[in-house]
Amino acid sequence: MSQRQTAPASEREERPENGKPPFPPNWRLAPDYDPNDHLMNLKGKEYLNVQNRLLWFIRDQRDMIASGLATAPYAIRTELVELDREAGWAHFRTVVRDVLGNESVMYGSESVRDFPDYIEKASTKSLGRALLALGYGAAFAPEIDEGERVVDAPIERRAALQPERSTAKQTATVIRETPAPQPAAQAAPATETPAAASETPATEQQLVSIRKLYEALHRPQAEPPTTYAEARQLITQLSAEYQRMRRAS
């Protein structure tokens, strides 16, 4: 006579009250993972490599889905922008979107002079930069430290002080960017301007995510935002508070 087996306690805890099938036991990836335990010393600075940024990102996304804080899928898409095998140079573009609707688009390029596996390195670089833009490893990333190459502050114009520099030499440093052709049906939409984003109404998905985050934080919900930009900013703030609360518990 067969006996009925009882599911393990860990699996029973994952079964939601609504009766839907539970998430697989391995869905919540590395629940005790702490990125601070994986920092490396790179030229005297702390560095979190792309592998650990990716693990950190996936852990957070799956945790929010399994906890019911989000229902939208996360996405990671890397595309080849340009590849010149004769010159030994590759350029990639990566798009990363989290379950709360935040999205980042970043590029990465490498040459065979620096790495024999330059194609793979360019792809990994674009992924790492896209994760940085969403906050995963941004505090430990020398690759976005400008150093002496300041790009957002007024600096001395060296071209004016050194007129003898040849135009040909300046032109040689320009990196070409030739986006890979896309079918018309898959063409990316035009980038939304800041003014348009501030006028676009908040989406229903954003409002649902905000409500769930307030519930998870055990805080009364304030007046909901009215624009897409305000909702995105609030979601980022509440999500950071929720992650800090989980790490402290």
Protein backbone atom coordinates (compact mmCIF):
# COMPACT_ATOMS: atom_id res chain seq x y z
CA MET A 1 0.00 0.00 0.00
CA SER A 2 1.49 3.29 -1.07
CA GLN A 3 2.01 6.03 1.48
CA ARG A 4 1.44 9.71 0.80
CA GLN A 5 4.62 11.71 1.08
CA THR A 6 4.68 15.16 2.66
CA ALA A 7 6.48 17.93 0.80
CA PRO A 8 9.57 19.36 2.52
CA ALA A 9 8.96 22.35 4.79
CA SER A 10 11.07 24.64 2.58
CA GLU A 11 8.89 23.79 -0.43
CA ARG A 12 5.64 24.20 1.53
CA GLU A 13 6.76 27.69 2.58
CA GLU A 14 7.16 28.64 -1.09
CA ARG A 15 3.58 27.64 -1.96
CA PRO A 16 1.46 30.80 -2.18
CA GLU A 17 -1.93 30.99 -0.50
CA ASN A 18 -3.72 31.43 -3.83
CA GLY A 19 -3.16 27.75 -4.64
CA LYS A 20 -0.90 28.33 -7.67
CA PRO A 21 2.07 25.98 -8.11
CA PRO A 22 5.12 27.04 -6.05
CA PHE A 23 8.32 28.33 -7.59
CA PRO A 24 10.99 25.63 -8.10
CA PRO A 25 13.23 25.10 -5.05
CA ASN A 26 16.19 26.64 -6.88
CA TRP A 27 14.27 29.68 -8.17
CA ARG A 28 15.53 31.96 -5.42
CA LEU A 29 19.15 32.18 -6.44
CA ALA A 30 21.75 32.40 -3.64
CA PRO A 31 19.46 33.92 -0.94
CA ASP A 32 22.44 34.46 1.40
CA TYR A 33 24.60 36.05 -1.31
CA ASP A 34 26.40 39.24 -0.22
CA PRO A 35 28.28 41.14 -2.96
CA ASN A 36 30.63 42.62 -0.35
CA ASP A 37 32.10 39.14 0.13
CA HIS A 38 33.23 39.04 -3.51
CA LEU A 39 35.08 42.34 -3.86
CA MET A 40 38.50 42.18 -5.51
CA ASN A 41 41.47 44.49 -5.23
CA LEU A 42 42.21 46.02 -8.62
CA LYS A 43 45.10 48.49 -8.68
CA GLY A 44 44.40 49.52 -5.10
CA LYS A 45 40.62 49.92 -5.57
CA GLU A 46 37.75 47.62 -4.67
CA TYR A 47 36.18 45.99 -7.73
CA LEU A 48 33.11 43.79 -8.24
CA ASN A 49 33.42 41.75 -11.42
CA VAL A 50 30.64 41.31 -13.97
CA GLN A 51 29.85 37.75 -12.89
CA ASN A 52 28.98 38.91 -9.37
CA ARG A 53 27.05 41.95 -10.61
CA LEU A 54 24.94 39.58 -12.71
CA LEU A 55 24.40 37.16 -9.81
CA TRP A 56 23.37 40.07 -7.56
CA PHE A 57 20.92 41.37 -10.18
CA ILE A 58 19.28 37.99 -10.86
CA ARG A 59 18.99 37.23 -7.15
CA ASP A 60 17.12 40.50 -6.53
CA GLN A 61 14.80 40.07 -9.51
CA ARG A 62 13.80 36.49 -8.66
CA ASP A 63 13.37 37.37 -5.01
CA MET A 64 10.94 40.20 -5.82
CA ILE A 65 8.97 37.96 -8.20
CA ALA A 66 8.77 35.07 -5.72
CA SER A 67 7.78 37.47 -2.92
CA GLY A 68 4.94 38.88 -5.04
CA LEU A 69 6.43 42.38 -5.18
CA ALA A 70 6.61 42.27 -8.98
CA THR A 71 5.04 40.30 -11.79
CA ALA A 72 6.87 41.67 -14.84
CA PRO A 73 9.83 39.63 -16.17
CA TYR A 74 13.37 40.92 -16.08
CA ALA A 75 15.33 41.01 -19.35
CA ILE A 76 18.97 40.99 -20.46
CA ARG A 77 19.66 41.43 -24.20
CA THR A 78 23.12 41.80 -25.75
CA GLU A 79 23.51 42.68 -29.45
CA LEU A 80 26.50 43.01 -31.76
CA VAL A 81 26.84 46.59 -33.02
CA GLU A 82 29.99 46.24 -35.13
CA LEU A 83 32.67 43.62 -35.71
CA ASP A 84 35.81 44.22 -37.76
CA ARG A 85 37.86 41.01 -37.81
CA GLU A 86 40.57 42.52 -40.01
CA ALA A 87 41.17 45.40 -37.60
CA GLY A 88 40.49 43.15 -34.59
CA TRP A 89 37.81 45.30 -32.99
CA ALA A 90 34.30 44.55 -31.63
CA HIS A 91 31.47 46.71 -30.29
CA PHE A 92 28.39 45.46 -28.37
CA ARG A 93 25.20 46.95 -26.95
CA THR A 94 23.37 45.53 -23.91
CA VAL A 95 19.89 46.34 -22.62
CA VAL A 96 19.00 45.35 -19.04
CA ARG A 97 15.48 45.81 -17.62
CA ASP A 98 14.50 44.95 -14.05
CA VAL A 99 11.12 43.73 -12.77
CA LEU A 100 10.17 47.25 -11.65
CA GLY A 101 10.47 48.71 -15.16
CA ASN A 102 13.86 50.42 -14.82
CA GLU A 103 15.95 50.01 -17.98
CA SER A 104 19.57 50.63 -18.86
CA VAL A 105 21.34 50.66 -22.26
CA MET A 106 25.14 50.55 -22.39
CA TYR A 107 27.92 49.85 -24.91
CA GLY A 108 31.28 48.08 -24.71
CA SER A 109 34.16 47.76 -27.16
CA GLU A 110 37.49 45.95 -27.18
CA SER A 111 40.40 45.39 -29.55
CA VAL A 112 42.59 42.36 -30.19
CA ARG A 113 45.61 44.44 -29.11
CA ASP A 114 44.30 44.33 -25.53
CA PHE A 115 42.62 40.90 -25.41
CA PRO A 116 42.94 37.88 -27.74
CA ASP A 117 39.27 37.07 -26.95
CA TYR A 118 38.25 40.65 -27.70
CA ILE A 119 34.77 39.71 -28.99
CA GLU A 120 33.77 38.04 -25.71
CA LYS A 121 35.39 40.84 -23.69
CA ALA A 122 33.41 43.53 -25.55
CA SER A 123 30.17 41.65 -24.91
CA THR A 124 30.95 41.24 -21.21
CA LYS A 125 31.94 44.90 -20.88
CA SER A 126 28.62 46.12 -22.30
CA LEU A 127 26.73 43.81 -19.89
CA GLY A 128 28.77 45.00 -16.92
CA ARG A 129 28.19 48.67 -17.74
CA ALA A 130 24.43 48.12 -18.16
CA LEU A 131 24.26 46.49 -14.71
CA LEU A 132 26.24 49.40 -13.26
CA ALA A 133 23.66 51.88 -14.54
CA LEU A 134 20.99 50.05 -12.51
CA GLY A 135 23.14 50.27 -9.39
CA TYR A 136 24.71 46.81 -9.34
CA GLY A 137 28.36 47.38 -8.48
CA ALA A 138 28.40 51.11 -9.25
CA ALA A 139 30.36 51.81 -6.06
CA PHE A 140 33.05 49.29 -7.06
CA ALA A 141 33.67 49.92 -10.75
CA PRO A 142 36.91 51.60 -11.85
CA GLU A 143 35.75 51.37 -15.47
CA ILE A 144 33.33 54.27 -14.95
CA ASP A 145 35.87 56.35 -13.03
CA GLU A 146 36.86 59.10 -15.46
CA GLY A 147 40.22 59.71 -13.82
CA GLU A 148 41.92 62.51 -15.76
CA ARG A 149 39.47 62.17 -18.67
CA VAL A 150 36.76 64.39 -17.15
CA VAL A 151 33.71 64.58 -19.41
CA ASP A 152 31.19 66.61 -17.40
CA ALA A 153 33.15 69.58 -16.06
CA PRO A 154 34.79 72.63 -17.71
CA ILE A 155 38.44 71.88 -18.38
CA GLU A 156 41.28 73.52 -20.25
CA ARG A 157 40.91 73.13 -24.01
CA ARG A 158 44.16 71.47 -25.01
CA ALA A 159 43.34 71.80 -28.72
CA ALA A 160 43.47 75.59 -28.37
CA LEU A 161 46.77 75.46 -26.47
CA GLN A 162 48.38 73.00 -28.89
CA PRO A 163 47.52 74.15 -32.44
CA GLU A 164 50.40 72.13 -33.82
CA ARG A 165 48.54 68.84 -33.22
CA SER A 166 47.52 67.43 -36.58
CA THR A 167 43.88 66.95 -37.53
CA ALA A 168 44.68 63.49 -38.85
CA LYS A 169 45.83 62.36 -35.42
CA GLN A 170 42.65 63.61 -33.76
CA THR A 171 40.46 61.88 -36.33
CA ALA A 172 42.25 58.58 -35.78
CA THR A 173 40.97 58.37 -32.19
CA VAL A 174 37.29 58.46 -33.18
CA ILE A 175 35.45 55.16 -32.66
CA ARG A 176 32.98 54.27 -35.40
CA GLU A 177 29.55 53.05 -34.45
CA THR A 178 27.47 51.26 -37.07
CA PRO A 179 24.34 49.73 -35.47
CA ALA A 180 23.41 46.31 -36.78
CA PRO A 181 20.38 46.44 -39.12
CA GLN A 182 17.08 45.44 -37.54
CA PRO A 183 13.81 44.34 -39.13
CA ALA A 184 11.23 47.09 -39.24
CA ALA A 185 8.96 45.18 -36.86
CA GLN A 186 11.73 44.99 -34.24
CA ALA A 187 13.14 48.49 -34.57
CA ALA A 188 13.73 50.14 -31.20
CA PRO A 189 11.40 53.05 -30.36
CA ALA A 190 12.80 56.54 -30.33
CA THR A 191 14.41 57.57 -27.05
CA GLU A 192 12.01 59.46 -24.85
CA THR A 193 13.15 62.99 -24.02
CA PRO A 194 13.24 64.14 -20.38
CA ALA A 195 10.39 66.57 -21.06
CA ALA A 196 8.22 63.83 -22.54
CA ALA A 197 8.99 61.49 -19.63
CA SER A 198 7.92 64.13 -17.12
CA GLU A 199 4.56 64.52 -18.87
CA THR A 200 3.81 60.83 -19.51
CA PRO A 201 1.30 59.47 -16.95
CA ALA A 202 2.44 56.76 -14.52
CA THR A 203 1.62 53.26 -15.76
CA GLU A 204 -0.64 50.79 -13.97
CA GLN A 205 2.31 48.42 -13.54
CA GLN A 206 4.31 51.16 -11.79
CA LEU A 207 1.43 51.94 -9.41
CA VAL A 208 0.98 48.25 -8.55
CA SER A 209 4.73 47.89 -7.84
CA ILE A 210 4.66 50.99 -5.62
CA ARG A 211 1.70 49.66 -3.62
CA LYS A 212 3.40 46.28 -3.08
CA LEU A 213 6.67 47.90 -2.04
CA TYR A 214 4.87 50.03 0.57
CA GLU A 215 3.19 46.88 1.90
CA ALA A 216 6.51 45.02 2.09
CA LEU A 217 8.04 47.96 3.98
CA HIS A 218 5.01 48.06 6.34
CA ARG A 219 4.51 51.73 5.59
CA PRO A 220 1.32 53.61 4.76
CA GLN A 221 1.19 54.55 1.10
CA ALA A 222 1.66 58.21 0.34
CA GLU A 223 -0.15 59.99 -2.46
CA PRO A 224 0.67 58.06 -5.66
CA PRO A 225 2.82 59.80 -8.29
CA THR A 226 1.10 61.10 -11.39
CA THR A 227 3.90 61.00 -13.98
CA TYR A 228 6.07 58.17 -15.31
CA ALA A 229 9.29 59.90 -14.20
CA GLU A 230 8.02 60.46 -10.65
CA ALA A 231 6.85 56.84 -10.40
CA ARG A 232 10.19 55.50 -11.65
CA GLN A 233 12.10 57.59 -9.12
CA LEU A 234 9.85 56.46 -6.25
CA ILE A 235 10.14 52.79 -7.26
CA THR A 236 13.94 53.03 -7.27
CA GLN A 237 13.89 54.65 -3.81
CA LEU A 238 11.47 52.13 -2.27
CA SER A 239 13.28 49.18 -3.85
CA ALA A 240 16.58 50.33 -2.31
CA GLU A 241 14.90 50.65 1.11
CA TYR A 242 13.44 47.15 0.77
CA GLN A 243 16.85 45.63 -0.07
CA ARG A 244 18.44 47.40 2.92
CA MET A 245 15.67 46.09 5.18
CA ARG A 246 16.23 42.51 3.94
CA ARG A 247 19.97 42.69 4.45
CA ALA A 248 19.47 44.01 7.99
CA SER A 249 17.00 41.28 8.94
